[in-house]
C-alpha atoms as a PDB file:
ATOM      1  CA  MET A   1      -1.467  16.045   2.659  1.00  0.00           C
ATOM      2  CA  GLY A   2       0.904  18.650   4.045  1.00  0.00           C
ATOM      3  CA  THR A   3       3.279  21.154   2.587  1.00  0.00           C
ATOM      4  CA  VAL A   4       6.942  21.878   3.150  1.00  0.00           C
ATOM      5  CA  GLY A   5       7.190  24.976   5.307  1.00  0.00           C
ATOM      6  CA  ASP A   6      10.966  25.088   5.628  1.00  0.00           C
ATOM      7  CA  LEU A   7      14.157  23.043   5.518  1.00  0.00           C
ATOM      8  CA  VAL A   8      16.859  22.672   8.162  1.00  0.00           C
ATOM      9  CA  ILE A   9      20.227  22.401   6.431  1.00  0.00           C
ATOM     10  CA  ASP A  10      23.509  21.356   8.046  1.00  0.00           C
ATOM     11  CA  SER A  11      25.802  24.356   7.597  1.00  0.00           C
ATOM     12  CA  HIS A  12      28.917  22.183   7.385  1.00  0.00           C
ATOM     13  CA  SER A  13      27.791  19.474   4.964  1.00  0.00           C
ATOM     14  CA  GLY A  14      25.027  21.326   3.112  1.00  0.00           C
ATOM     15  CA  GLU A  15      22.732  18.325   3.605  1.00  0.00           C
ATOM     16  CA  VAL A  16      19.056  18.661   4.486  1.00  0.00           C
ATOM     17  CA  ARG A  17      18.587  17.349   8.042  1.00  0.00           C
ATOM     18  CA  TYR A  18      14.914  18.127   8.766  1.00  0.00           C
ATOM     19  CA  VAL A  19      11.836  19.122   6.812  1.00  0.00           C
ATOM     20  CA  ALA A  20       9.323  21.391   8.530  1.00  0.00           C
ATOM     21  CA  ILE A  21       5.898  20.120   7.503  1.00  0.00           C
ATOM     22  CA  VAL A  22       2.806  22.316   7.749  1.00  0.00           C
ATOM     23  CA  TRP A  23      -0.248  20.138   8.245  1.00  0.00           C
ATOM     24  CA  GLY A  24      -3.801  20.550   9.479  1.00  0.00           C
ATOM     25  CA  GLY A  25      -6.950  22.464   8.759  1.00  0.00           C
ATOM     26  CA  SER A  26      -6.753  25.976   7.369  1.00  0.00           C
ATOM     27  CA  GLU A  27      -7.333  27.523  10.794  1.00  0.00           C
ATOM     28  CA  ASP A  28      -5.369  24.933  12.792  1.00  0.00           C
ATOM     29  CA  ASN A  29      -2.129  24.525  10.865  1.00  0.00           C
ATOM     30  CA  ARG A  30       0.567  22.645  12.723  1.00  0.00           C
ATOM     31  CA  LEU A  31       4.317  22.599  12.168  1.00  0.00           C
ATOM     32  CA  PHE A  32       6.226  19.314  12.498  1.00  0.00           C
ATOM     33  CA  ALA A  33       9.990  18.777  12.185  1.00  0.00           C
ATOM     34  CA  VAL A  34      10.563  15.462  10.405  1.00  0.00           C
ATOM     35  CA  PRO A  35      13.993  13.950   9.680  1.00  0.00           C
ATOM     36  CA  PHE A  36      14.725  14.137   5.962  1.00  0.00           C
ATOM     37  CA  GLN A  37      15.615  10.416   5.908  1.00  0.00           C
ATOM     38  CA  ALA A  38      11.970   9.611   6.709  1.00  0.00           C
ATOM     39  CA  PHE A  39      10.913  10.840   3.252  1.00  0.00           C
ATOM     40  CA  ALA A  40      11.000   9.130  -0.106  1.00  0.00           C
ATOM     41  CA  VAL A  41      11.892  11.430  -3.005  1.00  0.00           C
ATOM     42  CA  LYS A  42       9.703  10.577  -6.002  1.00  0.00           C
ATOM     43  CA  ASP A  43       9.101  11.882  -9.497  1.00  0.00           C
ATOM     44  CA  ASN A  44       5.905  13.910  -9.664  1.00  0.00           C
ATOM     45  CA  PRO A  45       3.387  12.275 -11.995  1.00  0.00           C
ATOM     46  CA  ASP A  46       1.401  15.523 -12.307  1.00  0.00           C
ATOM     47  CA  GLY A  47       4.415  17.379 -13.654  1.00  0.00           C
ATOM     48  CA  ASP A  48       3.684  20.745 -11.993  1.00  0.00           C
ATOM     49  CA  VAL A  49       6.908  20.331  -9.954  1.00  0.00           C
ATOM     50  CA  PRO A  50       9.657  17.850 -10.832  1.00  0.00           C
ATOM     51  CA  ILE A  51       9.720  15.900  -7.542  1.00  0.00           C
ATOM     52  CA  VAL A  52       7.636  15.329  -4.439  1.00  0.00           C
ATOM     53  CA  LEU A  53       8.558  14.232  -0.919  1.00  0.00           C
ATOM     54  CA  VAL A  54       6.481  11.304   0.330  1.00  0.00           C
ATOM     55  CA  LEU A  55       6.132  10.601   4.051  1.00  0.00           C
ATOM     56  CA  ASP A  56       4.516   7.258   4.850  1.00  0.00           C
ATOM     57  CA  VAL A  57       2.418   8.143   7.909  1.00  0.00           C
ATOM     58  CA  ASN A  58      -1.280   8.365   8.520  1.00  0.00           C
ATOM     59  CA  PRO A  59      -3.090  11.390   9.983  1.00  0.00           C
ATOM     60  CA  LEU A  60      -3.441   9.698  13.377  1.00  0.00           C
ATOM     61  CA  GLN A  61       0.340   9.414  13.660  1.00  0.00           C
ATOM     62  CA  LEU A  62       0.686  13.131  12.965  1.00  0.00           C
ATOM     63  CA  GLU A  63      -2.026  13.939  15.496  1.00  0.00           C
ATOM     64  CA  GLY A  64      -0.037  12.075  18.157  1.00  0.00           C
ATOM     65  CA  ALA A  65       3.282  13.723  17.304  1.00  0.00           C
ATOM     66  CA  VAL A  66       4.682  16.558  19.375  1.00  0.00           C
ATOM     67  CA  ARG A  67       4.271  19.822  17.504  1.00  0.00           C
ATOM     68  CA  GLU A  68       7.151  22.259  17.295  1.00  0.00           C
ATOM     69  CA  GLN A  69       4.845  24.941  18.750  1.00  0.00           C
ATOM     70  CA  ASP A  70       4.355  22.708  21.816  1.00  0.00           C
ATOM     71  CA  ARG A  71       8.138  22.516  22.258  1.00  0.00           C
ATOM     72  CA  GLY A  72       8.425  26.286  22.118  1.00  0.00           C
ATOM     73  CA  GLY A  73       9.760  26.182  18.522  1.00  0.00           C
END
């Protein structure tokens, strides 16, 4: 499970384009830019926040992705 680190918003339309996901161990956090369309927006059954973003990938897929830090981002 990761957390949302930031959002990239289109300044003309106001739409969210990318979600910056922070994922990894506490000492090896990684930042990934994921297109917003890749997420499902769901009601949160726990109720601590009204909605959650769900990304249907497994940890191995994230491990193989290019990190933003590796791109110089």
